[in-house]
Every structure is written in C-alpha cells, then in structure tokens.
PDB file of all heavy atoms in Angstrom:
ATOM      1  N   ASN A   1       0.823  -1.205   0.000  1.00  0.00           N
ATOM      2  CA  ASN A   1       0.000   0.000   0.000  1.00  0.00           C
ATOM      3  C   ASN A   1       0.857   1.254   0.000  1.00  0.00           C
ATOM      4  O   ASN A   1       2.040   1.238   0.266  1.00  0.00           O
ATOM      5  CB  ASN A   1      -0.950   0.012   1.208  1.00  0.00           C
ATOM      6  CG  ASN A   1      -0.201  -0.118   2.522  1.00  0.00           C
ATOM      7  OD1 ASN A   1       0.849   0.486   2.691  1.00  0.00           O
ATOM      8  ND2 ASN A   1      -0.736  -0.903   3.433  1.00  0.00           N
ATOM      9  N   THR A   2       0.217   2.355  -0.300  1.00  0.00           N
ATOM     10  CA  THR A   2       0.953   3.596  -0.494  1.00  0.00           C
ATOM     11  C   THR A   2       1.614   4.086   0.768  1.00  0.00           C
ATOM     12  O   THR A   2       2.594   4.819   0.722  1.00  0.00           O
ATOM     13  CB  THR A   2       0.000   4.681  -0.998  1.00  0.00           C
ATOM     14  OG1 THR A   2      -1.109   4.794  -0.094  1.00  0.00           O
ATOM     15  CG2 THR A   2      -0.518   4.332  -2.384  1.00  0.00           C
ATOM     16  N   SER A   3       1.123   3.677   1.927  1.00  0.00           N
ATOM     17  CA  SER A   3       1.752   4.113   3.170  1.00  0.00           C
ATOM     18  C   SER A   3       3.024   3.370   3.458  1.00  0.00           C
ATOM     19  O   SER A   3       3.824   3.794   4.277  1.00  0.00           O
ATOM     20  CB  SER A   3       0.793   3.906   4.357  1.00  0.00           C
ATOM     21  OG  SER A   3       0.513   2.518   4.520  1.00  0.00           O
ATOM     22  N   GLY A   4       3.236   2.231   2.784  1.00  0.00           N
ATOM     23  CA  GLY A   4       4.418   1.434   3.068  1.00  0.00           C
ATOM     24  C   GLY A   4       5.260   1.167   1.862  1.00  0.00           C
ATOM     25  O   GLY A   4       6.039   0.239   1.827  1.00  0.00           O
ATOM     26  N   SER A   5       5.114   1.936   0.823  1.00  0.00           N
ATOM     27  CA  SER A   5       5.916   1.717  -0.376  1.00  0.00           C
ATOM     28  C   SER A   5       6.368   3.041  -0.934  1.00  0.00           C
ATOM     29  O   SER A   5       5.963   4.101  -0.511  1.00  0.00           O
ATOM     30  CB  SER A   5       5.089   0.957  -1.438  1.00  0.00           C
ATOM     31  OG  SER A   5       4.036   1.763  -1.873  1.00  0.00           O
ATOM     32  N   LEU A   6       7.190   2.957  -1.928  1.00  0.00           N
ATOM     33  CA  LEU A   6       7.634   4.168  -2.584  1.00  0.00           C
ATOM     34  C   LEU A   6       6.506   4.730  -3.433  1.00  0.00           C
ATOM     35  O   LEU A   6       5.820   3.998  -4.137  1.00  0.00           O
ATOM     36  CB  LEU A   6       8.840   3.853  -3.488  1.00  0.00           C
ATOM     37  CG  LEU A   6      10.086   3.365  -2.779  1.00  0.00           C
ATOM     38  CD1 LEU A   6      11.115   2.970  -3.835  1.00  0.00           C
ATOM     39  CD2 LEU A   6      10.642   4.404  -1.857  1.00  0.00           C
ATOM     40  N   GLY A   7       6.284   5.992  -3.386  1.00  0.00           N
ATOM     41  CA  GLY A   7       5.252   6.613  -4.199  1.00  0.00           C
ATOM     42  C   GLY A   7       5.581   6.484  -5.668  1.00  0.00           C
ATOM     43  O   GLY A   7       6.725   6.358  -6.069  1.00  0.00           O
ATOM     44  N   LYS A   8       4.550   6.551  -6.506  1.00  0.00           N
ATOM     45  CA  LYS A   8       4.762   6.347  -7.936  1.00  0.00           C
ATOM     46  C   LYS A   8       5.651   7.412  -8.536  1.00  0.00           C
ATOM     47  O   LYS A   8       6.351   7.166  -9.504  1.00  0.00           O
ATOM     48  CB  LYS A   8       3.417   6.319  -8.648  1.00  0.00           C
ATOM     49  CG  LYS A   8       2.581   5.091  -8.300  1.00  0.00           C
ATOM     50  CD  LYS A   8       1.297   5.086  -9.093  1.00  0.00           C
ATOM     51  CE  LYS A   8       0.459   3.853  -8.768  1.00  0.00           C
ATOM     52  NZ  LYS A   8      -0.799   3.849  -9.522  1.00  0.00           N
ATOM     53  N   LYS A   9       5.610   8.627  -7.956  1.00  0.00           N
ATOM     54  CA  LYS A   9       6.359   9.728  -8.539  1.00  0.00           C
ATOM     55  C   LYS A   9       7.768   9.817  -7.976  1.00  0.00           C
ATOM     56  O   LYS A   9       8.548  10.651  -8.394  1.00  0.00           O
ATOM     57  CB  LYS A   9       5.621  11.040  -8.281  1.00  0.00           C
ATOM     58  CG  LYS A   9       4.274  11.119  -9.002  1.00  0.00           C
ATOM     59  CD  LYS A   9       3.619  12.471  -8.765  1.00  0.00           C
ATOM     60  CE  LYS A   9       2.278  12.561  -9.480  1.00  0.00           C
ATOM     61  NZ  LYS A   9       1.625  13.885  -9.258  1.00  0.00           N
ATOM     62  N   GLU A  10       8.072   8.960  -6.989  1.00  0.00           N
ATOM     63  CA  GLU A  10       9.388   9.033  -6.377  1.00  0.00           C
ATOM     64  C   GLU A  10      10.382   8.195  -7.166  1.00  0.00           C
ATOM     65  O   GLU A  10      10.030   7.262  -7.861  1.00  0.00           O
ATOM     66  CB  GLU A  10       9.321   8.562  -4.920  1.00  0.00           C
ATOM     67  CG  GLU A  10       8.470   9.476  -4.050  1.00  0.00           C
ATOM     68  CD  GLU A  10       8.608   9.112  -2.590  1.00  0.00           C
ATOM     69  OE1 GLU A  10       9.734   8.779  -2.172  1.00  0.00           O
ATOM     70  OE2 GLU A  10       7.615   9.165  -1.873  1.00  0.00           O
ATOM     71  N   ARG A  11      11.606   8.530  -7.014  1.00  0.00           N
ATOM     72  CA  ARG A  11      12.683   7.895  -7.773  1.00  0.00           C
ATOM     73  C   ARG A  11      12.901   6.464  -7.290  1.00  0.00           C
ATOM     74  O   ARG A  11      13.020   6.201  -6.103  1.00  0.00           O
ATOM     75  CB  ARG A  11      13.968   8.703  -7.594  1.00  0.00           C
ATOM     76  CG  ARG A  11      15.182   8.094  -8.270  1.00  0.00           C
ATOM     77  CD  ARG A  11      16.365   9.006  -8.101  1.00  0.00           C
ATOM     78  NE  ARG A  11      17.570   8.400  -8.598  1.00  0.00           N
ATOM     79  CZ  ARG A  11      18.407   7.693  -7.856  1.00  0.00           C
ATOM     80  NH1 ARG A  11      18.143   7.517  -6.580  1.00  0.00           N
ATOM     81  NH2 ARG A  11      19.503   7.166  -8.369  1.00  0.00           N
ATOM     82  N   ARG A  12      12.964   5.540  -8.217  1.00  0.00           N
ATOM     83  CA  ARG A  12      13.253   4.144  -7.908  1.00  0.00           C
ATOM     84  C   ARG A  12      14.747   3.912  -8.131  1.00  0.00           C
ATOM     85  O   ARG A  12      15.230   4.025  -9.242  1.00  0.00           O
ATOM     86  CB  ARG A  12      12.449   3.224  -8.813  1.00  0.00           C
ATOM     87  CG  ARG A  12      10.973   3.536  -8.865  1.00  0.00           C
ATOM     88  CD  ARG A  12      10.235   2.917  -7.720  1.00  0.00           C
ATOM     89  NE  ARG A  12       8.806   3.152  -7.836  1.00  0.00           N
ATOM     90  CZ  ARG A  12       7.883   2.398  -7.276  1.00  0.00           C
ATOM     91  NH1 ARG A  12       8.243   1.369  -6.556  1.00  0.00           N
ATOM     92  NH2 ARG A  12       6.612   2.681  -7.404  1.00  0.00           N
ATOM     93  N   PRO A  13      15.487   3.558  -7.098  1.00  0.00           N
ATOM     94  CA  PRO A  13      16.937   3.519  -7.243  1.00  0.00           C
ATOM     95  C   PRO A  13      17.497   2.267  -7.919  1.00  0.00           C
ATOM     96  O   PRO A  13      18.633   2.272  -8.341  1.00  0.00           O
ATOM     97  CB  PRO A  13      17.419   3.590  -5.787  1.00  0.00           C
ATOM     98  CG  PRO A  13      16.309   2.980  -4.994  1.00  0.00           C
ATOM     99  CD  PRO A  13      15.046   3.324  -5.724  1.00  0.00           C
ATOM    100  N   LEU A  14      16.733   1.190  -8.014  1.00  0.00           N
ATOM    101  CA  LEU A  14      17.299  -0.068  -8.481  1.00  0.00           C
ATOM    102  C   LEU A  14      17.048  -0.298  -9.967  1.00  0.00           C
ATOM    103  O   LEU A  14      15.908  -0.312 -10.427  1.00  0.00           O
ATOM    104  CB  LEU A  14      16.719  -1.237  -7.675  1.00  0.00           C
ATOM    105  CG  LEU A  14      17.133  -1.312  -6.206  1.00  0.00           C
ATOM    106  CD1 LEU A  14      16.582  -2.584  -5.575  1.00  0.00           C
ATOM    107  CD2 LEU A  14      18.638  -1.248  -6.035  1.00  0.00           C
ATOM    108  N   THR A  15      18.128  -0.482 -10.709  1.00  0.00           N
ATOM    109  CA  THR A  15      18.064  -0.864 -12.112  1.00  0.00           C
ATOM    110  C   THR A  15      18.392  -2.353 -12.229  1.00  0.00           C
ATOM    111  O   THR A  15      18.676  -3.022 -11.231  1.00  0.00           O
ATOM    112  CB  THR A  15      19.077  -0.059 -12.930  1.00  0.00           C
ATOM    113  OG1 THR A  15      20.401  -0.360 -12.436  1.00  0.00           O
ATOM    114  CG2 THR A  15      18.822   1.433 -12.792  1.00  0.00           C
ATOM    115  N   VAL A  16      18.358  -2.876 -13.440  1.00  0.00           N
ATOM    116  CA  VAL A  16      18.714  -4.285 -13.646  1.00  0.00           C
ATOM    117  C   VAL A  16      20.155  -4.537 -13.194  1.00  0.00           C
ATOM    118  O   VAL A  16      20.455  -5.540 -12.536  1.00  0.00           O
ATOM    119  CB  VAL A  16      18.535  -4.683 -15.126  1.00  0.00           C
ATOM    120  CG1 VAL A  16      19.075  -6.086 -15.375  1.00  0.00           C
ATOM    121  CG2 VAL A  16      17.061  -4.617 -15.516  1.00  0.00           C
ATOM    122  N   PHE A  17      21.058  -3.610 -13.532  1.00  0.00           N
ATOM    123  CA  PHE A  17      22.451  -3.772 -13.127  1.00  0.00           C
ATOM    124  C   PHE A  17      22.582  -3.768 -11.607  1.00  0.00           C
ATOM    125  O   PHE A  17      23.348  -4.564 -11.037  1.00  0.00           O
ATOM    126  CB  PHE A  17      23.304  -2.658 -13.728  1.00  0.00           C
ATOM    127  CG  PHE A  17      24.758  -2.722 -13.332  1.00  0.00           C
ATOM    128  CD1 PHE A  17      25.606  -3.649 -13.920  1.00  0.00           C
ATOM    129  CD2 PHE A  17      25.262  -1.881 -12.355  1.00  0.00           C
ATOM    130  CE1 PHE A  17      26.939  -3.727 -13.557  1.00  0.00           C
ATOM    131  CE2 PHE A  17      26.594  -1.951 -11.982  1.00  0.00           C
ATOM    132  CZ  PHE A  17      27.435  -2.875 -12.581  1.00  0.00           C
ATOM    133  N   SER A  18      21.839  -2.883 -10.936  1.00  0.00           N
ATOM    134  CA  SER A  18      21.879  -2.837  -9.477  1.00  0.00           C
ATOM    135  C   SER A  18      21.376  -4.140  -8.880  1.00  0.00           C
ATOM    136  O   SER A  18      21.960  -4.674  -7.925  1.00  0.00           O
ATOM    137  CB  SER A  18      21.024  -1.669  -8.966  1.00  0.00           C
ATOM    138  OG  SER A  18      21.499  -0.433  -9.461  1.00  0.00           O
ATOM    139  N   LEU A  19      20.302  -4.673  -9.441  1.00  0.00           N
ATOM    140  CA  LEU A  19      19.755  -5.935  -8.945  1.00  0.00           C
ATOM    141  C   LEU A  19      20.735  -7.084  -9.153  1.00  0.00           C
ATOM    142  O   LEU A  19      20.918  -7.929  -8.268  1.00  0.00           O
ATOM    143  CB  LEU A  19      18.436  -6.236  -9.663  1.00  0.00           C
ATOM    144  CG  LEU A  19      17.240  -5.357  -9.283  1.00  0.00           C
ATOM    145  CD1 LEU A  19      16.104  -5.560 -10.272  1.00  0.00           C
ATOM    146  CD2 LEU A  19      16.770  -5.651  -7.868  1.00  0.00           C
ATOM    147  N   VAL A  20      21.371  -7.122 -10.316  1.00  0.00           N
ATOM    148  CA  VAL A  20      22.348  -8.183 -10.584  1.00  0.00           C
ATOM    149  C   VAL A  20      23.524  -8.072  -9.615  1.00  0.00           C
ATOM    150  O   VAL A  20      24.043  -9.089  -9.135  1.00  0.00           O
ATOM    151  CB  VAL A  20      22.832  -8.115 -12.041  1.00  0.00           C
ATOM    152  CG1 VAL A  20      23.991  -9.083 -12.278  1.00  0.00           C
ATOM    153  CG2 VAL A  20      21.684  -8.440 -12.999  1.00  0.00           C
ATOM    154  N   THR A  21      23.943  -6.845  -9.309  1.00  0.00           N
ATOM    155  CA  THR A  21      25.030  -6.650  -8.349  1.00  0.00           C
ATOM    156  C   THR A  21      24.663  -7.236  -6.994  1.00  0.00           C
ATOM    157  O   THR A  21      25.466  -7.942  -6.359  1.00  0.00           O
ATOM    158  CB  THR A  21      25.345  -5.149  -8.199  1.00  0.00           C
ATOM    159  OG1 THR A  21      25.796  -4.632  -9.455  1.00  0.00           O
ATOM    160  CG2 THR A  21      26.416  -4.921  -7.147  1.00  0.00           C
ATOM    161  N   ILE A  22      23.448  -6.955  -6.531  1.00  0.00           N
ATOM    162  CA  ILE A  22      22.994  -7.496  -5.251  1.00  0.00           C
ATOM    163  C   ILE A  22      22.889  -9.022  -5.332  1.00  0.00           C
ATOM    164  O   ILE A  22      23.279  -9.738  -4.398  1.00  0.00           O
ATOM    165  CB  ILE A  22      21.637  -6.875  -4.868  1.00  0.00           C
ATOM    166  CG1 ILE A  22      21.796  -5.378  -4.604  1.00  0.00           C
ATOM    167  CG2 ILE A  22      21.057  -7.560  -3.633  1.00  0.00           C
ATOM    168  CD1 ILE A  22      20.492  -4.652  -4.360  1.00  0.00           C
ATOM    169  N   GLY A  23      22.388  -9.525  -6.459  1.00  0.00           N
ATOM    170  CA  GLY A  23      22.261 -10.963  -6.619  1.00  0.00           C
ATOM    171  C   GLY A  23      23.595 -11.679  -6.613  1.00  0.00           C
ATOM    172  O   GLY A  23      23.754 -12.717  -5.960  1.00  0.00           O
ATOM    173  N   VAL A  24      24.575 -11.135  -7.333  1.00  0.00           N
ATOM    174  CA  VAL A  24      25.916 -11.734  -7.358  1.00  0.00           C
ATOM    175  C   VAL A  24      26.551 -11.682  -5.966  1.00  0.00           C
ATOM    176  O   VAL A  24      27.244 -12.613  -5.540  1.00  0.00           O
ATOM    177  CB  VAL A  24      26.805 -11.022  -8.392  1.00  0.00           C
ATOM    178  CG1 VAL A  24      28.251 -11.496  -8.295  1.00  0.00           C
ATOM    179  CG2 VAL A  24      26.282 -11.280  -9.805  1.00  0.00           C
ATOM    180  N   ALA A  25      26.298 -10.594  -5.243  1.00  0.00           N
ATOM    181  CA  ALA A  25      26.816 -10.487  -3.878  1.00  0.00           C
ATOM    182  C   ALA A  25      26.236 -11.586  -3.001  1.00  0.00           C
ATOM    183  O   ALA A  25      26.941 -12.169  -2.161  1.00  0.00           O
ATOM    184  CB  ALA A  25      26.490  -9.119  -3.294  1.00  0.00           C
ATOM    185  N   CYS A  26      24.944 -11.894  -3.173  1.00  0.00           N
ATOM    186  CA  CYS A  26      24.314 -12.967  -2.400  1.00  0.00           C
ATOM    187  C   CYS A  26      24.945 -14.324  -2.688  1.00  0.00           C
ATOM    188  O   CYS A  26      25.073 -15.170  -1.797  1.00  0.00           O
ATOM    189  CB  CYS A  26      22.822 -13.023  -2.698  1.00  0.00           C
ATOM    190  SG  CYS A  26      21.821 -11.778  -1.854  1.00  0.00           S
ATOM    191  N   LEU A  27      25.346 -14.538  -3.946  1.00  0.00           N
ATOM    192  CA  LEU A  27      25.902 -15.838  -4.328  1.00  0.00           C
ATOM    193  C   LEU A  27      27.289 -16.085  -3.754  1.00  0.00           C
ATOM    194  O   LEU A  27      27.712 -17.234  -3.634  1.00  0.00           O
ATOM    195  CB  LEU A  27      25.962 -15.950  -5.858  1.00  0.00           C
ATOM    196  CG  LEU A  27      24.642 -15.876  -6.618  1.00  0.00           C
ATOM    197  CD1 LEU A  27      24.877 -16.129  -8.103  1.00  0.00           C
ATOM    198  CD2 LEU A  27      23.627 -16.854  -6.074  1.00  0.00           C
ATOM    199  N   THR A  28      28.028 -15.033  -3.425  1.00  0.00           N
ATOM    200  CA  THR A  28      29.395 -15.152  -2.905  1.00  0.00           C
ATOM    201  C   THR A  28      30.247 -16.026  -3.830  1.00  0.00           C
ATOM    202  O   THR A  28      30.580 -17.179  -3.505  1.00  0.00           O
ATOM    203  CB  THR A  28      29.411 -15.737  -1.474  1.00  0.00           C
ATOM    204  OG1 THR A  28      28.340 -15.187  -0.728  1.00  0.00           O
ATOM    205  CG2 THR A  28      30.718 -15.417  -0.782  1.00  0.00           C
ATOM    206  N   PRO A  29      30.628 -15.524  -5.009  1.00  0.00           N
ATOM    207  CA  PRO A  29      31.272 -16.354  -6.039  1.00  0.00           C
ATOM    208  C   PRO A  29      32.550 -17.067  -5.603  1.00  0.00           C
ATOM    209  O   PRO A  29      32.850 -18.147  -6.093  1.00  0.00           O
ATOM    210  CB  PRO A  29      31.566 -15.340  -7.162  1.00  0.00           C
ATOM    211  CG  PRO A  29      30.584 -14.243  -6.963  1.00  0.00           C
ATOM    212  CD  PRO A  29      30.393 -14.141  -5.486  1.00  0.00           C
ATOM    213  N   LEU A  30      33.318 -16.472  -4.697  1.00  0.00           N
ATOM    214  CA  LEU A  30      34.599 -17.081  -4.331  1.00  0.00           C
ATOM    215  C   LEU A  30      34.444 -18.350  -3.495  1.00  0.00           C
ATOM    216  O   LEU A  30      35.447 -19.000  -3.166  1.00  0.00           O
ATOM    217  CB  LEU A  30      35.466 -16.068  -3.581  1.00  0.00           C
ATOM    218  CG  LEU A  30      35.951 -14.859  -4.390  1.00  0.00           C
ATOM    219  CD1 LEU A  30      36.948 -14.035  -3.597  1.00  0.00           C
ATOM    220  CD2 LEU A  30      36.569 -15.281  -5.716  1.00  0.00           C
ATOM    221  N   THR A  31      33.209 -18.725  -3.157  1.00  0.00           N
ATOM    222  CA  THR A  31      33.010 -19.979  -2.421  1.00  0.00           C
ATOM    223  C   THR A  31      33.432 -21.192  -3.237  1.00  0.00           C
ATOM    224  O   THR A  31      33.604 -22.275  -2.676  1.00  0.00           O
ATOM    225  CB  THR A  31      31.538 -20.138  -2.005  1.00  0.00           C
ATOM    226  OG1 THR A  31      30.705 -20.013  -3.171  1.00  0.00           O
ATOM    227  CG2 THR A  31      31.139 -19.104  -0.982  1.00  0.00           C
TER     228      THR A  31
END
C-alpha cells in the first residue's frame, strides 16, 4: 500500500544492473 511503499512519482533507485550486483553479492562467487 501507499503508506508502506515508494510513491509512484518518487525515484526508484534499483536498475537491472543494481539488482544483478545485489544478486551476485548474495551468491558469494569465491566460495
């Protein structure tokens, strides 16, 4: 709901590249 989310007119900071960065960080490749 609008009280608990980013408003439609507000800037969304995450792009596909940002999401992939977070995803790769979760995977911890050096394991």
